[in-house]
PDB file of N, CA and C in Angstrom:
ATOM      1  N   MET A   1      -6.511  47.847  43.167  1.00  0.00           N
ATOM      2  CA  MET A   1      -5.705  46.663  43.359  1.00  0.00           C
ATOM      3  C   MET A   1      -4.544  46.698  42.370  1.00  0.00           C
ATOM      4  N   ALA A   2      -3.373  46.292  42.778  1.00  0.00           N
ATOM      5  CA  ALA A   2      -2.168  46.408  41.962  1.00  0.00           C
ATOM      6  C   ALA A   2      -2.160  45.425  40.795  1.00  0.00           C
ATOM      7  N   LEU A   3      -2.868  44.291  40.899  1.00  0.00           N
ATOM      8  CA  LEU A   3      -2.841  43.287  39.850  1.00  0.00           C
ATOM      9  C   LEU A   3      -3.942  43.472  38.806  1.00  0.00           C
ATOM     10  N   THR A   4      -4.747  44.498  38.961  1.00  0.00           N
ATOM     11  CA  THR A   4      -5.851  44.730  38.038  1.00  0.00           C
ATOM     12  C   THR A   4      -5.371  45.510  36.830  1.00  0.00           C
ATOM     13  N   LEU A   5      -5.722  45.018  35.663  1.00  0.00           N
ATOM     14  CA  LEU A   5      -5.378  45.683  34.410  1.00  0.00           C
ATOM     15  C   LEU A   5      -6.625  46.400  33.921  1.00  0.00           C
ATOM     16  N   SER A   6      -6.586  47.730  33.902  1.00  0.00           N
ATOM     17  CA  SER A   6      -7.733  48.508  33.449  1.00  0.00           C
ATOM     18  C   SER A   6      -7.655  48.706  31.943  1.00  0.00           C
ATOM     19  N   THR A   7      -8.759  48.416  31.281  1.00  0.00           N
ATOM     20  CA  THR A   7      -8.836  48.619  29.833  1.00  0.00           C
ATOM     21  C   THR A   7      -9.966  49.589  29.551  1.00  0.00           C
ATOM     22  N   GLY A   8     -10.174  49.892  28.288  1.00  0.00           N
ATOM     23  CA  GLY A   8     -11.226  50.827  27.927  1.00  0.00           C
ATOM     24  C   GLY A   8     -12.625  50.280  28.148  1.00  0.00           C
ATOM     25  N   SER A   9     -12.753  48.943  28.245  1.00  0.00           N
ATOM     26  CA  SER A   9     -14.085  48.367  28.380  1.00  0.00           C
ATOM     27  C   SER A   9     -14.250  47.561  29.663  1.00  0.00           C
ATOM     28  N   GLY A  10     -13.360  47.727  30.611  1.00  0.00           N
ATOM     29  CA  GLY A  10     -13.498  46.993  31.865  1.00  0.00           C
ATOM     30  C   GLY A  10     -12.149  46.751  32.501  1.00  0.00           C
ATOM     31  N   PHE A  11     -12.058  45.647  33.264  1.00  0.00           N
ATOM     32  CA  PHE A  11     -10.798  45.314  33.905  1.00  0.00           C
ATOM     33  C   PHE A  11     -10.572  43.812  33.830  1.00  0.00           C
ATOM     34  N   TRP A  12      -9.317  43.419  33.999  1.00  0.00           N
ATOM     35  CA  TRP A  12      -8.947  42.019  33.978  1.00  0.00           C
ATOM     36  C   TRP A  12      -8.035  41.776  35.152  1.00  0.00           C
ATOM     37  N   ASN A  13      -8.431  40.862  36.019  1.00  0.00           N
ATOM     38  CA  ASN A  13      -7.650  40.572  37.201  1.00  0.00           C
ATOM     39  C   ASN A  13      -7.345  39.081  37.220  1.00  0.00           C
ATOM     40  N   PRO A  14      -6.071  38.692  37.061  1.00  0.00           N
ATOM     41  CA  PRO A  14      -5.737  37.270  36.994  1.00  0.00           C
ATOM     42  C   PRO A  14      -6.033  36.527  38.290  1.00  0.00           C
ATOM     43  N   VAL A  15      -5.954  37.192  39.423  1.00  0.00           N
ATOM     44  CA  VAL A  15      -6.237  36.531  40.698  1.00  0.00           C
ATOM     45  C   VAL A  15      -7.712  36.131  40.765  1.00  0.00           C
ATOM     46  N   VAL A  16      -8.591  37.020  40.303  1.00  0.00           N
ATOM     47  CA  VAL A  16     -10.024  36.698  40.282  1.00  0.00           C
ATOM     48  C   VAL A  16     -10.278  35.509  39.362  1.00  0.00           C
ATOM     49  N   TRP A  17      -9.615  35.473  38.213  1.00  0.00           N
ATOM     50  CA  TRP A  17      -9.787  34.345  37.288  1.00  0.00           C
ATOM     51  C   TRP A  17      -9.276  33.048  37.897  1.00  0.00           C
ATOM     52  N   LEU A  18      -8.138  33.072  38.587  1.00  0.00           N
ATOM     53  CA  LEU A  18      -7.613  31.870  39.228  1.00  0.00           C
ATOM     54  C   LEU A  18      -8.569  31.363  40.310  1.00  0.00           C
ATOM     55  N   ILE A  19      -9.146  32.263  41.078  1.00  0.00           N
ATOM     56  CA  ILE A  19     -10.117  31.866  42.095  1.00  0.00           C
ATOM     57  C   ILE A  19     -11.359  31.267  41.436  1.00  0.00           C
ATOM     58  N   ALA A  20     -11.828  31.866  40.343  1.00  0.00           N
ATOM     59  CA  ALA A  20     -13.003  31.355  39.641  1.00  0.00           C
ATOM     60  C   ALA A  20     -12.726  29.965  39.059  1.00  0.00           C
ATOM     61  N   ILE A  21     -11.550  29.780  38.482  1.00  0.00           N
ATOM     62  CA  ILE A  21     -11.195  28.468  37.915  1.00  0.00           C
ATOM     63  C   ILE A  21     -11.100  27.426  39.017  1.00  0.00           C
ATOM     64  N   ALA A  22     -10.498  27.790  40.149  1.00  0.00           N
ATOM     65  CA  ALA A  22     -10.400  26.866  41.279  1.00  0.00           C
ATOM     66  C   ALA A  22     -11.788  26.483  41.785  1.00  0.00           C
ATOM     67  N   PHE A  23     -12.692  27.437  41.848  1.00  0.00           N
ATOM     68  CA  PHE A  23     -14.062  27.162  42.295  1.00  0.00           C
ATOM     69  C   PHE A  23     -14.769  26.210  41.330  1.00  0.00           C
ATOM     70  N   VAL A  24     -14.632  26.452  40.037  1.00  0.00           N
ATOM     71  CA  VAL A  24     -15.263  25.589  39.038  1.00  0.00           C
ATOM     72  C   VAL A  24     -14.686  24.176  39.116  1.00  0.00           C
ATOM     73  N   LEU A  25     -13.371  24.061  39.272  1.00  0.00           N
ATOM     74  CA  LEU A  25     -12.755  22.742  39.396  1.00  0.00           C
ATOM     75  C   LEU A  25     -13.242  22.019  40.647  1.00  0.00           C
ATOM     76  N   LEU A  26     -13.437  22.750  41.736  1.00  0.00           N
ATOM     77  CA  LEU A  26     -13.963  22.153  42.956  1.00  0.00           C
ATOM     78  C   LEU A  26     -15.385  21.630  42.735  1.00  0.00           C
ATOM     79  N   VAL A  27     -16.232  22.403  42.080  1.00  0.00           N
ATOM     80  CA  VAL A  27     -17.603  21.961  41.792  1.00  0.00           C
ATOM     81  C   VAL A  27     -17.582  20.734  40.888  1.00  0.00           C
ATOM     82  N   VAL A  28     -16.729  20.725  39.872  1.00  0.00           N
ATOM     83  CA  VAL A  28     -16.628  19.583  38.965  1.00  0.00           C
ATOM     84  C   VAL A  28     -16.176  18.339  39.727  1.00  0.00           C
ATOM     85  N   TYR A  29     -15.202  18.500  40.607  1.00  0.00           N
ATOM     86  CA  TYR A  29     -14.713  17.377  41.400  1.00  0.00           C
ATOM     87  C   TYR A  29     -15.809  16.835  42.310  1.00  0.00           C
ATOM     88  N   LEU A  30     -16.567  17.711  42.953  1.00  0.00           N
ATOM     89  CA  LEU A  30     -17.643  17.268  43.838  1.00  0.00           C
ATOM     90  C   LEU A  30     -18.734  16.536  43.054  1.00  0.00           C
ATOM     91  N   LEU A  31     -19.049  17.009  41.852  1.00  0.00           N
ATOM     92  CA  LEU A  31     -20.025  16.314  41.018  1.00  0.00           C
ATOM     93  C   LEU A  31     -19.491  14.944  40.573  1.00  0.00           C
ATOM     94  N   TRP A  32     -18.214  14.884  40.255  1.00  0.00           N
ATOM     95  CA  TRP A  32     -17.600  13.629  39.830  1.00  0.00           C
ATOM     96  C   TRP A  32     -17.636  12.607  40.961  1.00  0.00           C
ATOM     97  N   ARG A  33     -17.415  13.060  42.194  1.00  0.00           N
ATOM     98  CA  ARG A  33     -17.421  12.173  43.363  1.00  0.00           C
ATOM     99  C   ARG A  33     -18.813  11.594  43.620  1.00  0.00           C
ATOM    100  N   GLN A  34     -19.861  12.255  43.144  1.00  0.00           N
ATOM    101  CA  GLN A  34     -21.220  11.768  43.341  1.00  0.00           C
ATOM    102  C   GLN A  34     -21.566  10.637  42.373  1.00  0.00           C
ATOM    103  N   GLY A  35     -20.680  10.367  41.424  1.00  0.00           N
ATOM    104  CA  GLY A  35     -20.947   9.346  40.413  1.00  0.00           C
ATOM    105  C   GLY A  35     -20.974   7.942  40.988  1.00  0.00           C
ATOM    106  N   GLU A  36     -21.371   6.991  40.158  1.00  0.00           N
ATOM    107  CA  GLU A  36     -21.486   5.593  40.573  1.00  0.00           C
ATOM    108  C   GLU A  36     -20.100   4.981  40.713  1.00  0.00           C
ATOM    109  N   ALA A  37     -19.796   4.461  41.892  1.00  0.00           N
ATOM    110  CA  ALA A  37     -18.475   3.885  42.157  1.00  0.00           C
ATOM    111  C   ALA A  37     -18.366   2.467  41.615  1.00  0.00           C
ATOM    112  N   GLY A  38     -19.485   1.785  41.377  1.00  0.00           N
ATOM    113  CA  GLY A  38     -19.450   0.395  40.934  1.00  0.00           C
ATOM    114  C   GLY A  38     -19.367   0.218  39.432  1.00  0.00           C
ATOM    115  N   TYR A  39     -19.048   1.232  38.708  1.00  0.00           N
ATOM    116  CA  TYR A  39     -18.975   1.146  37.247  1.00  0.00           C
ATOM    117  C   TYR A  39     -17.716   0.384  36.841  1.00  0.00           C
ATOM    118  N   ASN A  40     -17.885  -0.634  36.002  1.00  0.00           N
ATOM    119  CA  ASN A  40     -16.759  -1.419  35.498  1.00  0.00           C
ATOM    120  C   ASN A  40     -16.675  -1.235  33.993  1.00  0.00           C
ATOM    121  N   ARG A  41     -15.568  -0.705  33.536  1.00  0.00           N
ATOM    122  CA  ARG A  41     -15.417  -0.373  32.123  1.00  0.00           C
ATOM    123  C   ARG A  41     -15.421  -1.607  31.224  1.00  0.00           C
ATOM    124  N   GLY A  42     -14.877  -2.720  31.658  1.00  0.00           N
ATOM    125  CA  GLY A  42     -14.763  -3.896  30.788  1.00  0.00           C
ATOM    126  C   GLY A  42     -15.907  -4.889  30.924  1.00  0.00           C
ATOM    127  N   SER A  43     -16.970  -4.564  31.621  1.00  0.00           N
ATOM    128  CA  SER A  43     -18.053  -5.515  31.868  1.00  0.00           C
ATOM    129  C   SER A  43     -19.227  -5.282  30.917  1.00  0.00           C
ATOM    130  N   ALA A  44     -20.338  -5.961  31.201  1.00  0.00           N
ATOM    131  CA  ALA A  44     -21.538  -5.814  30.378  1.00  0.00           C
ATOM    132  C   ALA A  44     -22.204  -4.457  30.574  1.00  0.00           C
ATOM    133  N   GLN A  45     -21.735  -3.666  31.519  1.00  0.00           N
ATOM    134  CA  GLN A  45     -22.319  -2.344  31.763  1.00  0.00           C
ATOM    135  C   GLN A  45     -22.107  -1.390  30.596  1.00  0.00           C
ATOM    136  N   VAL A  46     -21.115  -1.667  29.778  1.00  0.00           N
ATOM    137  CA  VAL A  46     -20.829  -0.759  28.665  1.00  0.00           C
ATOM    138  C   VAL A  46     -21.615  -1.111  27.403  1.00  0.00           C
ATOM    139  N   LYS A  47     -22.284  -2.268  27.397  1.00  0.00           N
ATOM    140  CA  LYS A  47     -23.051  -2.677  26.216  1.00  0.00           C
ATOM    141  C   LYS A  47     -24.403  -1.974  26.204  1.00  0.00           C
ATOM    142  N   PRO A  48     -24.943  -1.683  25.022  1.00  0.00           N
ATOM    143  CA  PRO A  48     -26.250  -1.020  24.963  1.00  0.00           C
ATOM    144  C   PRO A  48     -27.371  -1.976  25.387  1.00  0.00           C
ATOM    145  N   PHE A  49     -28.401  -1.414  26.012  1.00  0.00           N
ATOM    146  CA  PHE A  49     -29.573  -2.217  26.395  1.00  0.00           C
ATOM    147  C   PHE A  49     -30.576  -2.147  25.260  1.00  0.00           C
ATOM    148  N   ILE A  50     -30.885  -3.303  24.685  1.00  0.00           N
ATOM    149  CA  ILE A  50     -31.836  -3.346  23.569  1.00  0.00           C
ATOM    150  C   ILE A  50     -33.030  -4.223  23.935  1.00  0.00           C
ATOM    151  N   SER A  51     -33.629  -3.910  25.072  1.00  0.00           N
ATOM    152  CA  SER A  51     -34.880  -4.525  25.545  1.00  0.00           C
ATOM    153  C   SER A  51     -34.786  -6.034  25.693  1.00  0.00           C
ATOM    154  N   GLY A  52     -33.649  -6.544  26.089  1.00  0.00           N
ATOM    155  CA  GLY A  52     -33.500  -7.969  26.324  1.00  0.00           C
ATOM    156  C   GLY A  52     -33.257  -8.783  25.075  1.00  0.00           C
ATOM    157  N   ASN A  53     -33.259  -8.174  23.913  1.00  0.00           N
ATOM    158  CA  ASN A  53     -32.985  -8.901  22.673  1.00  0.00           C
ATOM    159  C   ASN A  53     -31.499  -9.197  22.579  1.00  0.00           C
ATOM    160  N   PRO A  54     -31.149 -10.274  21.877  1.00  0.00           N
ATOM    161  CA  PRO A  54     -29.714 -10.563  21.716  1.00  0.00           C
ATOM    162  C   PRO A  54     -29.041  -9.472  20.884  1.00  0.00           C
ATOM    163  N   GLU A  55     -27.764  -9.300  21.129  1.00  0.00           N
ATOM    164  CA  GLU A  55     -27.018  -8.268  20.402  1.00  0.00           C
ATOM    165  C   GLU A  55     -26.912  -8.665  18.929  1.00  0.00           C
ATOM    166  N   PRO A  56     -27.316  -7.781  18.008  1.00  0.00           N
ATOM    167  CA  PRO A  56     -27.260  -8.122  16.579  1.00  0.00           C
ATOM    168  C   PRO A  56     -25.825  -8.147  16.074  1.00  0.00           C
ATOM    169  N   ALA A  57     -25.643  -8.797  14.951  1.00  0.00           N
ATOM    170  CA  ALA A  57     -24.324  -8.845  14.329  1.00  0.00           C
ATOM    171  C   ALA A  57     -23.922  -7.440  13.895  1.00  0.00           C
ATOM    172  N   LYS A  58     -22.630  -7.194  13.916  1.00  0.00           N
ATOM    173  CA  LYS A  58     -22.149  -5.848  13.597  1.00  0.00           C
ATOM    174  C   LYS A  58     -22.544  -5.446  12.176  1.00  0.00           C
ATOM    175  N   LYS A  59     -22.532  -6.374  11.247  1.00  0.00           N
ATOM    176  CA  LYS A  59     -22.877  -6.074   9.856  1.00  0.00           C
ATOM    177  C   LYS A  59     -24.349  -5.658   9.728  1.00  0.00           C
ATOM    178  N   ALA A  60     -25.204  -6.154  10.611  1.00  0.00           N
ATOM    179  CA  ALA A  60     -26.629  -5.865  10.523  1.00  0.00           C
ATOM    180  C   ALA A  60     -26.970  -4.450  10.985  1.00  0.00           C
ATOM    181  N   VAL A  61     -26.121  -3.827  11.766  1.00  0.00           N
ATOM    182  CA  VAL A  61     -26.436  -2.501  12.298  1.00  0.00           C
ATOM    183  C   VAL A  61     -25.614  -1.391  11.661  1.00  0.00           C
ATOM    184  N   GLN A  62     -24.685  -1.729  10.800  1.00  0.00           N
ATOM    185  CA  GLN A  62     -23.869  -0.696  10.158  1.00  0.00           C
ATOM    186  C   GLN A  62     -24.621  -0.104   8.975  1.00  0.00           C
ATOM    187  N   MET A  63     -24.510   1.225   8.827  1.00  0.00           N
ATOM    188  CA  MET A  63     -25.149   1.909   7.721  1.00  0.00           C
ATOM    189  C   MET A  63     -24.065   2.682   6.970  1.00  0.00           C
ATOM    190  N   PRO A  64     -23.858   2.406   5.698  1.00  0.00           N
ATOM    191  CA  PRO A  64     -22.839   3.135   4.956  1.00  0.00           C
ATOM    192  C   PRO A  64     -23.223   4.605   4.772  1.00  0.00           C
ATOM    193  N   ALA A  65     -22.242   5.445   4.638  1.00  0.00           N
ATOM    194  CA  ALA A  65     -22.482   6.880   4.490  1.00  0.00           C
ATOM    195  C   ALA A  65     -23.246   7.182   3.206  1.00  0.00           C
ATOM    196  N   SER A  66     -23.097   6.354   2.193  1.00  0.00           N
ATOM    197  CA  SER A  66     -23.833   6.598   0.950  1.00  0.00           C
ATOM    198  C   SER A  66     -25.341   6.502   1.186  1.00  0.00           C
ATOM    199  N   ASN A  67     -25.770   5.623   2.080  1.00  0.00           N
ATOM    200  CA  ASN A  67     -27.200   5.537   2.411  1.00  0.00           C
ATOM    201  C   ASN A  67     -27.614   6.684   3.322  1.00  0.00           C
ATOM    202  N   LEU A  68     -26.740   7.048   4.226  1.00  0.00           N
ATOM    203  CA  LEU A  68     -27.070   8.065   5.208  1.00  0.00           C
ATOM    204  C   LEU A  68     -27.272   9.438   4.546  1.00  0.00           C
ATOM    205  N   TYR A  69     -26.443   9.759   3.563  1.00  0.00           N
ATOM    206  CA  TYR A  69     -26.505  11.066   2.912  1.00  0.00           C
ATOM    207  C   TYR A  69     -27.148  11.001   1.526  1.00  0.00           C
ATOM    208  N   TRP A  70     -27.920   9.959   1.234  1.00  0.00           N
ATOM    209  CA  TRP A  70     -28.469   9.787  -0.097  1.00  0.00           C
ATOM    210  C   TRP A  70     -29.353  10.965  -0.498  1.00  0.00           C
ATOM    211  N   GLY A  71     -30.261  11.406   0.350  1.00  0.00           N
ATOM    212  CA  GLY A  71     -31.167  12.496   0.010  1.00  0.00           C
ATOM    213  C   GLY A  71     -30.424  13.791  -0.244  1.00  0.00           C
ATOM    214  N   PHE A  72     -29.397  14.036   0.544  1.00  0.00           N
ATOM    215  CA  PHE A  72     -28.600  15.250   0.388  1.00  0.00           C
ATOM    216  C   PHE A  72     -27.875  15.249  -0.952  1.00  0.00           C
ATOM    217  N   THR A  73     -27.188  14.143  -1.247  1.00  0.00           N
ATOM    218  CA  THR A  73     -26.434  14.091  -2.508  1.00  0.00           C
ATOM    219  C   THR A  73     -27.354  14.036  -3.722  1.00  0.00           C
ATOM    220  N   GLU A  74     -28.517  13.407  -3.576  1.00  0.00           N
ATOM    221  CA  GLU A  74     -29.453  13.344  -4.699  1.00  0.00           C
ATOM    222  C   GLU A  74     -30.050  14.717  -4.991  1.00  0.00           C
ATOM    223  N   ALA A  75     -30.349  15.476  -3.955  1.00  0.00           N
ATOM    224  CA  ALA A  75     -30.916  16.809  -4.151  1.00  0.00           C
ATOM    225  C   ALA A  75     -29.904  17.755  -4.794  1.00  0.00           C
ATOM    226  N   LEU A  76     -28.636  17.565  -4.496  1.00  0.00           N
ATOM    227  CA  LEU A  76     -27.592  18.435  -5.046  1.00  0.00           C
ATOM    228  C   LEU A  76     -26.810  17.776  -6.171  1.00  0.00           C
ATOM    229  N   SER A  77     -27.390  16.794  -6.843  1.00  0.00           N
ATOM    230  CA  SER A  77     -26.665  16.064  -7.888  1.00  0.00           C
ATOM    231  C   SER A  77     -26.258  16.972  -9.050  1.00  0.00           C
ATOM    232  N   GLY A  78     -27.085  17.954  -9.384  1.00  0.00           N
ATOM    233  CA  GLY A  78     -26.709  18.892 -10.458  1.00  0.00           C
ATOM    234  C   GLY A  78     -25.476  19.701 -10.097  1.00  0.00           C
ATOM    235  N   TYR A  79     -25.388  20.109  -8.835  1.00  0.00           N
ATOM    236  CA  TYR A  79     -24.209  20.846  -8.362  1.00  0.00           C
ATOM    237  C   TYR A  79     -22.983  19.949  -8.375  1.00  0.00           C
ATOM    238  N   TYR A  80     -23.135  18.722  -7.862  1.00  0.00           N
ATOM    239  CA  TYR A  80     -21.997  17.805  -7.809  1.00  0.00           C
ATOM    240  C   TYR A  80     -21.501  17.431  -9.201  1.00  0.00           C
ATOM    241  N   ALA A  81     -22.410  17.345 -10.173  1.00  0.00           N
ATOM    242  CA  ALA A  81     -22.010  16.992 -11.536  1.00  0.00           C
ATOM    243  C   ALA A  81     -21.060  18.037 -12.118  1.00  0.00           C
ATOM    244  N   ARG A  82     -21.209  19.298 -11.714  1.00  0.00           N
ATOM    245  CA  ARG A  82     -20.325  20.353 -12.207  1.00  0.00           C
ATOM    246  C   ARG A  82     -19.073  20.535 -11.360  1.00  0.00           C
ATOM    247  N   VAL A  83     -19.165  20.242 -10.072  1.00  0.00           N
ATOM    248  CA  VAL A  83     -18.053  20.522  -9.159  1.00  0.00           C
ATOM    249  C   VAL A  83     -17.042  19.377  -9.098  1.00  0.00           C
ATOM    250  N   ILE A  84     -17.496  18.146  -9.173  1.00  0.00           N
ATOM    251  CA  ILE A  84     -16.588  17.002  -9.019  1.00  0.00           C
ATOM    252  C   ILE A  84     -15.502  16.979 -10.098  1.00  0.00           C
ATOM    253  N   PRO A  85     -15.777  17.265 -11.362  1.00  0.00           N
ATOM    254  CA  PRO A  85     -14.674  17.285 -12.342  1.00  0.00           C
ATOM    255  C   PRO A  85     -13.621  18.359 -12.047  1.00  0.00           C
ATOM    256  N   ALA A  86     -14.008  19.438 -11.374  1.00  0.00           N
ATOM    257  CA  ALA A  86     -13.045  20.487 -11.053  1.00  0.00           C
ATOM    258  C   ALA A  86     -12.200  20.137  -9.842  1.00  0.00           C
ATOM    259  N   HIS A  87     -12.553  19.091  -9.135  1.00  0.00           N
ATOM    260  CA  HIS A  87     -11.820  18.692  -7.931  1.00  0.00           C
ATOM    261  C   HIS A  87     -10.598  17.877  -8.340  1.00  0.00           C
ATOM    262  N   THR A  88      -9.425  18.477  -8.173  1.00  0.00           N
ATOM    263  CA  THR A  88      -8.192  17.805  -8.562  1.00  0.00           C
ATOM    264  C   THR A  88      -7.459  17.207  -7.377  1.00  0.00           C
ATOM    265  N   GLY A  89      -7.653  17.758  -6.185  1.00  0.00           N
ATOM    266  CA  GLY A  89      -6.941  17.271  -5.018  1.00  0.00           C
ATOM    267  C   GLY A  89      -5.586  17.922  -4.845  1.00  0.00           C
ATOM    268  N   ILE A  90      -5.252  18.889  -5.700  1.00  0.00           N
ATOM    269  CA  ILE A  90      -3.961  19.581  -5.620  1.00  0.00           C
ATOM    270  C   ILE A  90      -4.178  20.895  -4.873  1.00  0.00           C
ATOM    271  N   VAL A  91      -3.397  21.099  -3.817  1.00  0.00           N
ATOM    272  CA  VAL A  91      -3.586  22.252  -2.943  1.00  0.00           C
ATOM    273  C   VAL A  91      -3.385  23.566  -3.698  1.00  0.00           C
ATOM    274  N   THR A  92      -2.446  23.610  -4.613  1.00  0.00           N
ATOM    275  CA  THR A  92      -2.188  24.862  -5.326  1.00  0.00           C
ATOM    276  C   THR A  92      -3.383  25.280  -6.186  1.00  0.00           C
ATOM    277  N   ASP A  93      -4.140  24.304  -6.675  1.00  0.00           N
ATOM    278  CA  ASP A  93      -5.357  24.650  -7.426  1.00  0.00           C
ATOM    279  C   ASP A  93      -6.369  25.346  -6.524  1.00  0.00           C
ATOM    280  N   TYR A  94      -6.502  24.856  -5.302  1.00  0.00           N
ATOM    281  CA  TYR A  94      -7.434  25.474  -4.357  1.00  0.00           C
ATOM    282  C   TYR A  94      -6.960  26.872  -3.965  1.00  0.00           C
ATOM    283  N   LEU A  95      -5.667  27.035  -3.794  1.00  0.00           N
ATOM    284  CA  LEU A  95      -5.138  28.368  -3.481  1.00  0.00           C
ATOM    285  C   LEU A  95      -5.389  29.331  -4.634  1.00  0.00           C
ATOM    286  N   LEU A  96      -5.293  28.843  -5.858  1.00  0.00           N
ATOM    287  CA  LEU A  96      -5.580  29.684  -7.014  1.00  0.00           C
ATOM    288  C   LEU A  96      -7.049  30.113  -7.007  1.00  0.00           C
ATOM    289  N   TRP A  97      -7.963  29.197  -6.661  1.00  0.00           N
ATOM    290  CA  TRP A  97      -9.375  29.543  -6.554  1.00  0.00           C
ATOM    291  C   TRP A  97      -9.588  30.596  -5.477  1.00  0.00           C
ATOM    292  N   VAL A  98      -8.920  30.438  -4.335  1.00  0.00           N
ATOM    293  CA  VAL A  98      -9.058  31.412  -3.247  1.00  0.00           C
ATOM    294  C   VAL A  98      -8.575  32.784  -3.713  1.00  0.00           C
ATOM    295  N   LEU A  99      -7.452  32.829  -4.422  1.00  0.00           N
ATOM    296  CA  LEU A  99      -6.934  34.105  -4.921  1.00  0.00           C
ATOM    297  C   LEU A  99      -7.899  34.753  -5.917  1.00  0.00           C
ATOM    298  N   TRP A 100      -8.474  33.964  -6.818  1.00  0.00           N
ATOM    299  CA  TRP A 100      -9.419  34.512  -7.793  1.00  0.00           C
ATOM    300  C   TRP A 100     -10.661  35.060  -7.104  1.00  0.00           C
ATOM    301  N   VAL A 101     -11.203  34.309  -6.165  1.00  0.00           N
ATOM    302  CA  VAL A 101     -12.406  34.765  -5.462  1.00  0.00           C
ATOM    303  C   VAL A 101     -12.097  36.022  -4.658  1.00  0.00           C
ATOM    304  N   THR A 102     -10.934  36.057  -4.016  1.00  0.00           N
ATOM    305  CA  THR A 102     -10.540  37.246  -3.253  1.00  0.00           C
ATOM    306  C   THR A 102     -10.397  38.452  -4.168  1.00  0.00           C
ATOM    307  N   ALA A 103      -9.801  38.253  -5.346  1.00  0.00           N
ATOM    308  CA  ALA A 103      -9.632  39.356  -6.288  1.00  0.00           C
ATOM    309  C   ALA A 103     -10.984  39.868  -6.776  1.00  0.00           C
ATOM    310  N   VAL A 104     -11.902  38.969  -7.068  1.00  0.00           N
ATOM    311  CA  VAL A 104     -13.231  39.381  -7.529  1.00  0.00           C
ATOM    312  C   VAL A 104     -13.965  40.138  -6.426  1.00  0.00           C
ATOM    313  N   LEU A 105     -13.903  39.628  -5.195  1.00  0.00           N
ATOM    314  CA  LEU A 105     -14.541  40.321  -4.079  1.00  0.00           C
ATOM    315  C   LEU A 105     -13.912  41.688  -3.836  1.00  0.00           C
ATOM    316  N   PHE A 106     -12.593  41.767  -3.969  1.00  0.00           N
ATOM    317  CA  PHE A 106     -11.910  43.049  -3.814  1.00  0.00           C
ATOM    318  C   PHE A 106     -12.388  44.043  -4.866  1.00  0.00           C
ATOM    319  N   LEU A 107     -12.519  43.579  -6.101  1.00  0.00           N
ATOM    320  CA  LEU A 107     -12.996  44.466  -7.164  1.00  0.00           C
ATOM    321  C   LEU A 107     -14.430  44.901  -6.898  1.00  0.00           C
ATOM    322  N   LEU A 108     -15.271  44.001  -6.404  1.00  0.00           N
ATOM    323  CA  LEU A 108     -16.654  44.381  -6.087  1.00  0.00           C
ATOM    324  C   LEU A 108     -16.698  45.414  -4.987  1.00  0.00           C
ATOM    325  N   VAL A 109     -15.826  45.295  -3.999  1.00  0.00           N
ATOM    326  CA  VAL A 109     -15.806  46.269  -2.899  1.00  0.00           C
ATOM    327  C   VAL A 109     -15.296  47.616  -3.387  1.00  0.00           C
ATOM    328  N   VAL A 110     -14.278  47.591  -4.236  1.00  0.00           N
ATOM    329  CA  VAL A 110     -13.698  48.839  -4.726  1.00  0.00           C
ATOM    330  C   VAL A 110     -14.672  49.547  -5.639  1.00  0.00           C
ATOM    331  N   ILE A 111     -15.383  48.818  -6.477  1.00  0.00           N
ATOM    332  CA  ILE A 111     -16.308  49.432  -7.443  1.00  0.00           C
ATOM    333  C   ILE A 111     -17.508  50.038  -6.726  1.00  0.00           C
ATOM    334  N   THR A 112     -18.014  49.389  -5.695  1.00  0.00           N
ATOM    335  CA  THR A 112     -19.213  49.904  -5.019  1.00  0.00           C
ATOM    336  C   THR A 112     -18.913  50.898  -3.955  1.00  0.00           C
TER     337      THR A 112
END
């Protein structure tokens, strides 16, 4: 075929890819058409079902990230105690760290 690009590990044919993409889009469209037509985005259908209980206040269900990650940060508190003072927020400092680590890794590769 004139549109086939032969490579060392196979072939690439854009027409086959276009047909495959069209087929996938057709399947996706047919699945989408099977969906519920009576769905209303602004109605009570979008609210979570909590077994008939009244909806709780927003403040009662929010969980701060400090509580969510407490075990993680507590387990690594020794690491954070050493790393947080080195965090300056300046991009050039981070680039300097990347250069130092790259240089050390380069030396390790060259030596071994």
